[in-house]
C-alpha atoms as a PDB file:
ATOM      1  CA  MET A   1      34.001  45.105-120.712  1.00  0.00           C
ATOM      2  CA  LYS A   2      30.590  43.433-121.098  1.00  0.00           C
ATOM      3  CA  PRO A   3      30.668  42.160-124.713  1.00  0.00           C
ATOM      4  CA  LYS A   4      27.220  41.329-126.085  1.00  0.00           C
ATOM      5  CA  LYS A   5      28.244  39.948-129.490  1.00  0.00           C
ATOM      6  CA  ILE A   6      31.279  37.678-129.845  1.00  0.00           C
ATOM      7  CA  LEU A   7      32.738  36.623-133.198  1.00  0.00           C
ATOM      8  CA  VAL A   8      34.574  33.282-133.348  1.00  0.00           C
ATOM      9  CA  PRO A   9      36.400  32.450-136.614  1.00  0.00           C
ATOM     10  CA  VAL A  10      36.509  28.652-137.093  1.00  0.00           C
ATOM     11  CA  ASP A  11      38.450  26.589-139.625  1.00  0.00           C
ATOM     12  CA  PHE A  12      37.356  23.120-138.413  1.00  0.00           C
ATOM     13  CA  SER A  13      40.915  22.330-137.321  1.00  0.00           C
ATOM     14  CA  SER A  14      41.613  20.406-134.125  1.00  0.00           C
ATOM     15  CA  PHE A  15      41.569  23.758-132.275  1.00  0.00           C
ATOM     16  CA  SER A  16      38.130  24.930-133.431  1.00  0.00           C
ATOM     17  CA  GLU A  17      35.947  23.019-130.971  1.00  0.00           C
ATOM     18  CA  ALA A  18      38.102  23.969-127.989  1.00  0.00           C
ATOM     19  CA  THR A  19      38.127  27.577-129.165  1.00  0.00           C
ATOM     20  CA  THR A  20      34.345  27.569-129.449  1.00  0.00           C
ATOM     21  CA  ARG A  21      33.912  26.105-125.959  1.00  0.00           C
ATOM     22  CA  TYR A  22      36.190  28.799-124.534  1.00  0.00           C
ATOM     23  CA  ALA A  23      34.212  31.475-126.400  1.00  0.00           C
ATOM     24  CA  LEU A  24      30.988  30.037-124.991  1.00  0.00           C
ATOM     25  CA  ASP A  25      32.445  30.493-121.495  1.00  0.00           C
ATOM     26  CA  TRP A  26      32.943  34.187-122.283  1.00  0.00           C
ATOM     27  CA  ALA A  27      29.406  34.352-123.662  1.00  0.00           C
ATOM     28  CA  LYS A  28      28.000  32.732-120.536  1.00  0.00           C
ATOM     29  CA  LYS A  29      29.913  35.138-118.294  1.00  0.00           C
ATOM     30  CA  TYR A  30      28.615  38.198-120.142  1.00  0.00           C
ATOM     31  CA  GLN A  31      25.282  36.838-121.425  1.00  0.00           C
ATOM     32  CA  ALA A  32      26.466  37.413-124.986  1.00  0.00           C
ATOM     33  CA  GLU A  33      25.554  35.856-128.317  1.00  0.00           C
ATOM     34  CA  VAL A  34      28.162  34.020-130.411  1.00  0.00           C
ATOM     35  CA  THR A  35      28.697  34.078-134.172  1.00  0.00           C
ATOM     36  CA  LEU A  36      30.752  31.214-135.615  1.00  0.00           C
ATOM     37  CA  PHE A  37      32.420  32.541-138.752  1.00  0.00           C
ATOM     38  CA  HIS A  38      33.947  30.410-141.507  1.00  0.00           C
ATOM     39  CA  VAL A  39      35.659  31.712-144.653  1.00  0.00           C
ATOM     40  CA  ILE A  40      35.662  29.828-147.958  1.00  0.00           C
ATOM     41  CA  VAL A  41      39.068  30.966-149.224  1.00  0.00           C
ATOM     42  CA  MET A  42      39.313  31.332-153.001  1.00  0.00           C
ATOM     43  CA  TYR A  43      42.445  31.676-155.119  1.00  0.00           C
ATOM     44  CA  GLU A  44      42.791  35.223-156.397  1.00  0.00           C
ATOM     45  CA  ALA A  45      43.905  34.037-159.850  1.00  0.00           C
ATOM     46  CA  ASP A  46      40.812  31.893-160.280  1.00  0.00           C
ATOM     47  CA  VAL A  47      38.289  34.681-159.817  1.00  0.00           C
ATOM     48  CA  ASN A  48      39.631  36.444-162.913  1.00  0.00           C
ATOM     49  CA  GLU A  49      39.441  33.392-165.179  1.00  0.00           C
ATOM     50  CA  GLU A  50      36.081  33.922-166.855  1.00  0.00           C
ATOM     51  CA  VAL A  51      36.360  30.687-168.825  1.00  0.00           C
ATOM     52  CA  HIS A  52      36.412  28.719-165.590  1.00  0.00           C
ATOM     53  CA  LEU A  53      33.793  30.676-163.647  1.00  0.00           C
ATOM     54  CA  HIS A  54      31.108  28.015-163.952  1.00  0.00           C
ATOM     55  CA  GLN A  55      33.436  25.220-162.869  1.00  0.00           C
ATOM     56  CA  LEU A  56      34.778  27.435-160.084  1.00  0.00           C
ATOM     57  CA  GLU A  57      31.263  28.166-158.827  1.00  0.00           C
ATOM     58  CA  LEU A  58      30.494  24.435-158.707  1.00  0.00           C
ATOM     59  CA  LEU A  59      33.717  23.785-156.809  1.00  0.00           C
ATOM     60  CA  ILE A  60      33.083  26.563-154.306  1.00  0.00           C
ATOM     61  CA  LYS A  61      29.474  25.438-153.833  1.00  0.00           C
ATOM     62  CA  SER A  62      30.730  21.937-153.074  1.00  0.00           C
ATOM     63  CA  ARG A  63      33.186  23.344-150.534  1.00  0.00           C
ATOM     64  CA  GLU A  64      30.429  25.430-148.961  1.00  0.00           C
ATOM     65  CA  ASP A  65      28.157  22.393-148.642  1.00  0.00           C
ATOM     66  CA  GLU A  66      31.002  20.498-146.999  1.00  0.00           C
ATOM     67  CA  ALA A  67      31.683  23.434-144.656  1.00  0.00           C
ATOM     68  CA  ILE A  68      28.003  23.636-143.691  1.00  0.00           C
ATOM     69  CA  ALA A  69      28.000  19.933-142.821  1.00  0.00           C
ATOM     70  CA  LYS A  70      31.178  20.398-140.754  1.00  0.00           C
ATOM     71  CA  MET A  71      29.652  23.395-138.989  1.00  0.00           C
ATOM     72  CA  GLU A  72      26.551  21.394-138.067  1.00  0.00           C
ATOM     73  CA  ARG A  73      28.705  18.626-136.578  1.00  0.00           C
ATOM     74  CA  HIS A  74      30.866  21.244-134.857  1.00  0.00           C
ATOM     75  CA  ASN A  75      27.814  22.929-133.309  1.00  0.00           C
ATOM     76  CA  SER A  76      26.309  19.661-132.145  1.00  0.00           C
ATOM     77  CA  ARG A  77      29.467  18.929-130.150  1.00  0.00           C
ATOM     78  CA  THR A  78      29.979  22.394-128.683  1.00  0.00           C
ATOM     79  CA  ASN A  79      26.663  24.241-128.519  1.00  0.00           C
ATOM     80  CA  ASN A  80      25.245  25.335-125.210  1.00  0.00           C
ATOM     81  CA  LYS A  81      21.495  25.750-125.715  1.00  0.00           C
ATOM     82  CA  ASP A  82      21.438  28.587-123.175  1.00  0.00           C
ATOM     83  CA  ILE A  83      23.627  30.761-125.432  1.00  0.00           C
ATOM     84  CA  PRO A  84      22.408  32.300-128.723  1.00  0.00           C
ATOM     85  CA  LEU A  85      24.608  30.821-131.456  1.00  0.00           C
ATOM     86  CA  LYS A  86      24.584  31.395-135.198  1.00  0.00           C
ATOM     87  CA  SER A  87      26.818  30.389-138.115  1.00  0.00           C
ATOM     88  CA  VAL A  88      27.994  32.657-140.941  1.00  0.00           C
ATOM     89  CA  PHE A  89      29.907  31.751-144.122  1.00  0.00           C
ATOM     90  CA  ARG A  90      31.743  34.161-146.415  1.00  0.00           C
ATOM     91  CA  ARG A  91      33.795  33.833-149.612  1.00  0.00           C
ATOM     92  CA  ASN A  92      37.032  35.790-149.872  1.00  0.00           C
ATOM     93  CA  VAL A  93      40.587  35.520-151.158  1.00  0.00           C
ATOM     94  CA  SER A  94      41.748  36.368-147.621  1.00  0.00           C
ATOM     95  CA  ALA A  95      40.403  34.967-144.365  1.00  0.00           C
ATOM     96  CA  ALA A  96      41.672  37.986-142.412  1.00  0.00           C
ATOM     97  CA  ASN A  97      40.034  40.441-144.812  1.00  0.00           C
ATOM     98  CA  ALA A  98      36.755  38.527-144.607  1.00  0.00           C
ATOM     99  CA  ILE A  99      36.783  38.776-140.798  1.00  0.00           C
ATOM    100  CA  LEU A 100      37.603  42.492-140.832  1.00  0.00           C
ATOM    101  CA  GLU A 101      34.965  43.240-143.475  1.00  0.00           C
ATOM    102  CA  TYR A 102      32.318  41.269-141.589  1.00  0.00           C
ATOM    103  CA  ILE A 103      32.758  43.174-138.320  1.00  0.00           C
ATOM    104  CA  GLU A 104      32.277  46.400-140.283  1.00  0.00           C
ATOM    105  CA  GLU A 105      29.119  44.968-141.807  1.00  0.00           C
ATOM    106  CA  GLU A 106      27.842  43.401-138.577  1.00  0.00           C
ATOM    107  CA  PRO A 107      29.302  45.132-135.498  1.00  0.00           C
ATOM    108  CA  HIS A 108      30.594  42.850-132.730  1.00  0.00           C
ATOM    109  CA  ASP A 109      32.222  43.624-129.392  1.00  0.00           C
ATOM    110  CA  LEU A 110      34.911  40.923-129.206  1.00  0.00           C
ATOM    111  CA  ILE A 111      36.742  38.445-131.454  1.00  0.00           C
ATOM    112  CA  ILE A 112      38.042  35.170-130.000  1.00  0.00           C
ATOM    113  CA  MET A 113      40.377  33.113-132.185  1.00  0.00           C
ATOM    114  CA  ASN A 114      43.359  30.781-132.101  1.00  0.00           C
ATOM    115  CA  THR A 115      46.692  31.359-133.803  1.00  0.00           C
ATOM    116  CA  HIS A 116      48.883  28.774-135.449  1.00  0.00           C
ATOM    117  CA  GLY A 117      51.990  30.754-134.506  1.00  0.00           C
ATOM    118  CA  LYS A 118      53.820  31.142-137.818  1.00  0.00           C
ATOM    119  CA  SER A 119      57.376  32.356-137.449  1.00  0.00           C
ATOM    120  CA  GLY A 120      60.499  33.018-139.465  1.00  0.00           C
ATOM    121  CA  LEU A 121      60.535  33.826-143.183  1.00  0.00           C
ATOM    122  CA  LYS A 122      56.995  32.570-143.856  1.00  0.00           C
ATOM    123  CA  ASN A 123      55.609  34.943-141.257  1.00  0.00           C
ATOM    124  CA  LEU A 124      57.649  37.853-142.643  1.00  0.00           C
ATOM    125  CA  ILE A 125      56.318  37.289-146.161  1.00  0.00           C
ATOM    126  CA  TYR A 126      52.791  36.029-145.607  1.00  0.00           C
ATOM    127  CA  GLY A 127      51.964  37.125-142.093  1.00  0.00           C
ATOM    128  CA  SER A 128      49.220  35.350-140.193  1.00  0.00           C
ATOM    129  CA  VAL A 129      45.445  35.610-140.316  1.00  0.00           C
ATOM    130  CA  THR A 130      45.386  36.108-136.565  1.00  0.00           C
ATOM    131  CA  GLU A 131      48.157  38.701-136.529  1.00  0.00           C
ATOM    132  CA  LYS A 132      46.494  40.758-139.270  1.00  0.00           C
ATOM    133  CA  VAL A 133      43.214  40.714-137.350  1.00  0.00           C
ATOM    134  CA  VAL A 134      45.057  41.646-134.148  1.00  0.00           C
ATOM    135  CA  ARG A 135      46.751  44.548-135.914  1.00  0.00           C
ATOM    136  CA  LEU A 136      43.725  45.963-137.723  1.00  0.00           C
ATOM    137  CA  SER A 137      40.580  44.984-135.827  1.00  0.00           C
ATOM    138  CA  PRO A 138      38.746  47.990-134.385  1.00  0.00           C
ATOM    139  CA  ILE A 139      37.425  45.798-131.537  1.00  0.00           C
ATOM    140  CA  PRO A 140      39.258  43.782-128.858  1.00  0.00           C
ATOM    141  CA  VAL A 141      40.670  40.403-129.898  1.00  0.00           C
ATOM    142  CA  VAL A 142      41.459  37.426-127.634  1.00  0.00           C
ATOM    143  CA  THR A 143      44.055  35.071-129.138  1.00  0.00           C
ATOM    144  CA  PHE A 144      45.836  31.928-127.960  1.00  0.00           C
ATOM    145  CA  HIS A 145      47.663  28.856-129.202  1.00  0.00           C
ATOM    146  CA  THR A 146      45.667  26.480-127.011  1.00  0.00           C
ATOM    147  CA  PRO A 147      42.545  27.767-125.243  1.00  0.00           C
ATOM    148  CA  PRO A 148      42.214  27.205-121.486  1.00  0.00           C
ATOM    149  CA  GLU A 149      39.717  24.560-120.439  1.00  0.00           C
ATOM    150  CA  SER A 150      37.545  27.241-118.860  1.00  0.00           C
ATOM    151  CA  LEU A 151      37.331  30.988-118.359  1.00  0.00           C
ATOM    152  CA  ASN A 152      39.149  31.515-115.072  1.00  0.00           C
ATOM    153  CA  ILE A 153      40.895  34.884-114.945  1.00  0.00           C
ATOM    154  CA  ARG A 154      42.629  35.371-111.620  1.00  0.00           C
ATOM    155  CA  ARG A 155      45.908  36.986-112.683  1.00  0.00           C
ATOM    156  CA  ILE A 156      46.266  39.554-115.482  1.00  0.00           C
ATOM    157  CA  LEU A 157      49.511  40.840-116.974  1.00  0.00           C
ATOM    158  CA  ALA A 158      49.440  44.410-118.324  1.00  0.00           C
ATOM    159  CA  PRO A 159      52.638  45.416-120.160  1.00  0.00           C
ATOM    160  CA  VAL A 160      53.199  49.180-120.146  1.00  0.00           C
ATOM    161  CA  ASP A 161      55.405  51.376-122.350  1.00  0.00           C
ATOM    162  CA  PHE A 162      53.922  54.688-121.065  1.00  0.00           C
ATOM    163  CA  SER A 163      52.438  55.613-124.468  1.00  0.00           C
ATOM    164  CA  ASP A 164      48.905  56.942-124.830  1.00  0.00           C
ATOM    165  CA  ASN A 165      47.991  53.713-126.586  1.00  0.00           C
ATOM    166  CA  SER A 166      49.441  51.693-123.720  1.00  0.00           C
ATOM    167  CA  LYS A 167      46.974  53.447-121.417  1.00  0.00           C
ATOM    168  CA  LYS A 168      44.129  51.749-123.295  1.00  0.00           C
ATOM    169  CA  GLY A 169      45.581  48.364-122.406  1.00  0.00           C
ATOM    170  CA  VAL A 170      45.901  49.370-118.755  1.00  0.00           C
ATOM    171  CA  GLU A 171      42.299  50.592-118.638  1.00  0.00           C
ATOM    172  CA  MET A 172      41.002  47.354-120.189  1.00  0.00           C
ATOM    173  CA  ALA A 173      43.072  45.274-117.744  1.00  0.00           C
ATOM    174  CA  GLN A 174      41.533  47.194-114.858  1.00  0.00           C
ATOM    175  CA  VAL A 175      37.999  46.713-116.174  1.00  0.00           C
ATOM    176  CA  LEU A 176      38.549  42.958-116.487  1.00  0.00           C
ATOM    177  CA  ALA A 177      40.234  42.747-113.078  1.00  0.00           C
ATOM    178  CA  ARG A 178      37.179  44.292-111.455  1.00  0.00           C
ATOM    179  CA  GLU A 179      34.766  42.043-113.375  1.00  0.00           C
ATOM    180  CA  HIS A 180      36.669  38.847-112.572  1.00  0.00           C
ATOM    181  CA  GLY A 181      38.122  39.722-109.172  1.00  0.00           C
ATOM    182  CA  ALA A 182      41.632  39.361-110.597  1.00  0.00           C
ATOM    183  CA  LYS A 183      45.056  40.644-109.628  1.00  0.00           C
ATOM    184  CA  ILE A 184      47.105  42.736-112.098  1.00  0.00           C
ATOM    185  CA  ASP A 185      50.841  42.543-112.695  1.00  0.00           C
ATOM    186  CA  TYR A 186      51.968  45.768-114.365  1.00  0.00           C
ATOM    187  CA  LEU A 187      55.202  45.237-116.290  1.00  0.00           C
ATOM    188  CA  HIS A 188      57.569  47.722-117.898  1.00  0.00           C
ATOM    189  CA  THR A 189      60.558  46.388-119.827  1.00  0.00           C
ATOM    190  CA  ILE A 190      63.738  48.377-120.363  1.00  0.00           C
ATOM    191  CA  GLU A 191      65.345  47.342-123.638  1.00  0.00           C
ATOM    192  CA  GLN A 192      68.421  49.586-123.620  1.00  0.00           C
ATOM    193  CA  GLN A 193      71.479  47.499-124.460  1.00  0.00           C
ATOM    194  CA  LEU A 194      74.855  48.154-122.934  1.00  0.00           C
ATOM    195  CA  HIS A 195      77.897  48.697-125.110  1.00  0.00           C
ATOM    196  CA  PRO A 196      80.082  45.533-125.163  1.00  0.00           C
ATOM    197  CA  SER A 197      82.893  47.472-123.485  1.00  0.00           C
ATOM    198  CA  PHE A 198      80.841  47.562-120.263  1.00  0.00           C
ATOM    199  CA  GLN A 199      80.492  43.783-120.302  1.00  0.00           C
ATOM    200  CA  VAL A 200      84.258  43.420-120.583  1.00  0.00           C
ATOM    201  CA  ILE A 201      84.611  45.064-117.179  1.00  0.00           C
ATOM    202  CA  GLY A 202      81.819  42.974-115.668  1.00  0.00           C
ATOM    203  CA  ILE A 203      78.899  45.393-115.972  1.00  0.00           C
ATOM    204  CA  GLU A 204      76.044  43.477-117.575  1.00  0.00           C
ATOM    205  CA  SER A 205      73.010  45.479-116.480  1.00  0.00           C
ATOM    206  CA  ILE A 206      71.947  49.071-116.937  1.00  0.00           C
ATOM    207  CA  PHE A 207      70.668  48.927-113.357  1.00  0.00           C
ATOM    208  CA  ILE A 208      74.275  48.664-112.193  1.00  0.00           C
ATOM    209  CA  LEU A 209      75.201  51.809-114.081  1.00  0.00           C
ATOM    210  CA  ASN A 210      72.125  53.614-112.805  1.00  0.00           C
ATOM    211  CA  PRO A 211      71.013  52.072-109.471  1.00  0.00           C
ATOM    212  CA  GLU A 212      68.116  54.530-109.141  1.00  0.00           C
ATOM    213  CA  LEU A 213      66.615  53.689-112.529  1.00  0.00           C
ATOM    214  CA  LYS A 214      64.518  50.734-111.350  1.00  0.00           C
ATOM    215  CA  GLN A 215      62.908  52.632-108.474  1.00  0.00           C
ATOM    216  CA  ILE A 216      62.296  55.733-110.610  1.00  0.00           C
ATOM    217  CA  SER A 217      60.662  53.548-113.273  1.00  0.00           C
ATOM    218  CA  LYS A 218      58.560  51.713-110.705  1.00  0.00           C
ATOM    219  CA  ASP A 219      57.307  54.993-109.205  1.00  0.00           C
ATOM    220  CA  LYS A 220      56.380  56.204-112.689  1.00  0.00           C
ATOM    221  CA  LEU A 221      54.623  52.888-113.389  1.00  0.00           C
ATOM    222  CA  LYS A 222      52.561  53.156-110.191  1.00  0.00           C
ATOM    223  CA  GLU A 223      51.519  56.684-111.106  1.00  0.00           C
ATOM    224  CA  PHE A 224      50.641  55.714-114.686  1.00  0.00           C
ATOM    225  CA  CYS A 225      48.572  52.662-113.643  1.00  0.00           C
ATOM    226  CA  HIS A 226      47.031  54.029-110.440  1.00  0.00           C
ATOM    227  CA  SER A 227      44.350  51.547-109.307  1.00  0.00           C
ATOM    228  CA  PRO A 228      44.064  51.447-105.497  1.00  0.00           C
ATOM    229  CA  ASP A 229      40.931  49.273-105.603  1.00  0.00           C
ATOM    230  CA  ILE A 230      42.718  46.413-107.447  1.00  0.00           C
ATOM    231  CA  GLU A 231      45.349  44.074-106.026  1.00  0.00           C
ATOM    232  CA  SER A 232      48.427  44.972-108.047  1.00  0.00           C
ATOM    233  CA  GLU A 233      52.165  44.398-108.340  1.00  0.00           C
ATOM    234  CA  TYR A 234      54.632  46.519-110.301  1.00  0.00           C
ATOM    235  CA  HIS A 235      57.620  45.062-112.148  1.00  0.00           C
ATOM    236  CA  ILE A 236      60.573  46.652-113.953  1.00  0.00           C
ATOM    237  CA  ILE A 237      62.622  44.150-115.969  1.00  0.00           C
ATOM    238  CA  GLU A 238      65.561  44.663-118.278  1.00  0.00           C
ATOM    239  CA  GLY A 239      65.376  42.813-121.580  1.00  0.00           C
ATOM    240  CA  PRO A 240      63.758  42.592-125.030  1.00  0.00           C
ATOM    241  CA  SER A 241      60.055  43.341-124.661  1.00  0.00           C
ATOM    242  CA  ALA A 242      58.232  40.476-126.369  1.00  0.00           C
ATOM    243  CA  PRO A 243      60.181  37.499-124.952  1.00  0.00           C
ATOM    244  CA  THR A 244      60.388  39.178-121.547  1.00  0.00           C
ATOM    245  CA  ILE A 245      56.595  39.598-121.452  1.00  0.00           C
ATOM    246  CA  ALA A 246      55.983  36.025-122.621  1.00  0.00           C
ATOM    247  CA  ASP A 247      58.489  34.591-120.134  1.00  0.00           C
ATOM    248  CA  PHE A 248      57.050  36.636-117.256  1.00  0.00           C
ATOM    249  CA  ALA A 249      53.554  35.374-118.041  1.00  0.00           C
ATOM    250  CA  GLY A 250      54.747  31.766-118.015  1.00  0.00           C
ATOM    251  CA  GLU A 251      56.658  32.169-114.767  1.00  0.00           C
ATOM    252  CA  HIS A 252      53.799  33.887-112.894  1.00  0.00           C
ATOM    253  CA  ASP A 253      50.806  31.710-113.846  1.00  0.00           C
ATOM    254  CA  THR A 254      49.239  34.531-115.844  1.00  0.00           C
ATOM    255  CA  ASP A 255      45.719  33.790-117.065  1.00  0.00           C
ATOM    256  CA  LEU A 256      45.461  36.677-119.530  1.00  0.00           C
ATOM    257  CA  ILE A 257      47.822  39.255-121.035  1.00  0.00           C
ATOM    258  CA  VAL A 258      46.116  42.547-121.876  1.00  0.00           C
ATOM    259  CA  MET A 259      47.963  44.996-124.096  1.00  0.00           C
ATOM    260  CA  ALA A 260      47.474  47.612-126.792  1.00  0.00           C
ATOM    261  CA  THR A 261      48.613  47.433-130.382  1.00  0.00           C
ATOM    262  CA  HIS A 262      49.467  50.446-132.520  1.00  0.00           C
ATOM    263  CA  GLY A 263      47.947  48.991-135.689  1.00  0.00           C
ATOM    264  CA  TYR A 264      50.855  49.752-138.022  1.00  0.00           C
ATOM    265  CA  THR A 265      50.308  48.951-141.699  1.00  0.00           C
ATOM    266  CA  GLY A 266      52.358  49.023-144.877  1.00  0.00           C
ATOM    267  CA  LEU A 267      56.005  50.071-144.638  1.00  0.00           C
ATOM    268  CA  ASP A 268      55.717  51.088-140.982  1.00  0.00           C
ATOM    269  CA  HIS A 269      54.626  47.562-140.088  1.00  0.00           C
ATOM    270  CA  LEU A 270      57.375  45.971-142.198  1.00  0.00           C
ATOM    271  CA  LEU A 271      60.100  48.109-140.644  1.00  0.00           C
ATOM    272  CA  ILE A 272      58.836  48.511-137.083  1.00  0.00           C
ATOM    273  CA  GLY A 273      56.785  45.385-136.546  1.00  0.00           C
ATOM    274  CA  SER A 274      54.825  45.088-133.347  1.00  0.00           C
ATOM    275  CA  THR A 275      55.731  43.928-129.865  1.00  0.00           C
ATOM    276  CA  THR A 276      52.091  42.969-129.422  1.00  0.00           C
ATOM    277  CA  GLU A 277      52.100  40.672-132.459  1.00  0.00           C
ATOM    278  CA  ARG A 278      55.273  38.982-131.249  1.00  0.00           C
ATOM    279  CA  VAL A 279      53.698  38.448-127.823  1.00  0.00           C
ATOM    280  CA  VAL A 280      50.625  36.942-129.511  1.00  0.00           C
ATOM    281  CA  ARG A 281      52.966  34.536-131.301  1.00  0.00           C
ATOM    282  CA  MET A 282      55.056  33.655-128.238  1.00  0.00           C
ATOM    283  CA  ALA A 283      52.773  33.713-125.190  1.00  0.00           C
ATOM    284  CA  GLY A 284      51.545  30.478-123.658  1.00  0.00           C
ATOM    285  CA  CYS A 285      48.358  32.070-122.278  1.00  0.00           C
ATOM    286  CA  PRO A 286      45.548  34.023-123.979  1.00  0.00           C
ATOM    287  CA  VAL A 287      46.313  37.584-125.078  1.00  0.00           C
ATOM    288  CA  LEU A 288      43.651  40.302-125.271  1.00  0.00           C
ATOM    289  CA  THR A 289      44.606  43.158-127.588  1.00  0.00           C
ATOM    290  CA  VAL A 290      42.954  46.588-127.720  1.00  0.00           C
ATOM    291  CA  GLY A 291      43.489  50.164-128.836  1.00  0.00           C
ATOM    292  CA  ARG A 292      44.084  50.170-132.577  1.00  0.00           C
ATOM    293  CA  GLU A 293      44.983  53.483-134.150  1.00  0.00           C
ATOM    294  CA  ASP A 294      44.887  54.320-137.858  1.00  0.00           C
ATOM    295  CA  LYS A 295      48.531  54.274-138.885  1.00  0.00           C
ATOM    296  CA  LYS A 296      48.040  54.075-142.665  1.00  0.00           C
END
């Protein structure tokens, strides 16, 4: 993987310092430089009120001065002098848009950020800064609810749906496994639901109806993920993808989930959603996402 420039969005919440320390561990591992990125979020209605522009500028300047002071305190508590570290501030009506625009302006190799895990109606309507970045970033993104105390990747989970995009997640998992000396669990979930009439007669699993399905799927998984130089296990599990992946990771002491996202936008995203985004929201360990495709 070997990232040389790592972008770390910070909001000065209780998570920011821990997130920065975790990012510094990545930087130390790969001898990378870190950019701490903070967005001054403006209200869209305000920027069109010409009468209030002067007052708005004074308000924003005050917020920027406060953010600069917070960043200095933040850096003093987290900075490792051996790692190049700089701070960047941007104004925008959207934190996610500011992040995505900045990495176009200043190319980076990796984004590391926490997620506050919105769910339910609020997530459907507003989405999440993290989830939008995960969906649209052209570079890999590491996300988590609570960052690990240190970078210690010994067991990687690579979910596989056999798509071309899924292959990108497998390839990244293999690269990281080699760099960290980690084991990979390859996981394919089968979501097909049985008709209720089968449950009435005591058949609750598709594997009962088709006893050969699990072995056929496992053979296909081994062929798809072929990596003889990496310690690997192959798993076929029946169930809904996102919760099955998150539960598996929790039950197997996974240090990092690596998976691809299709990058759906607009109506496709509203109707189809993304297993990857749901995993980001549900997983208890860090998730590294790769492989965006333009689905506009």
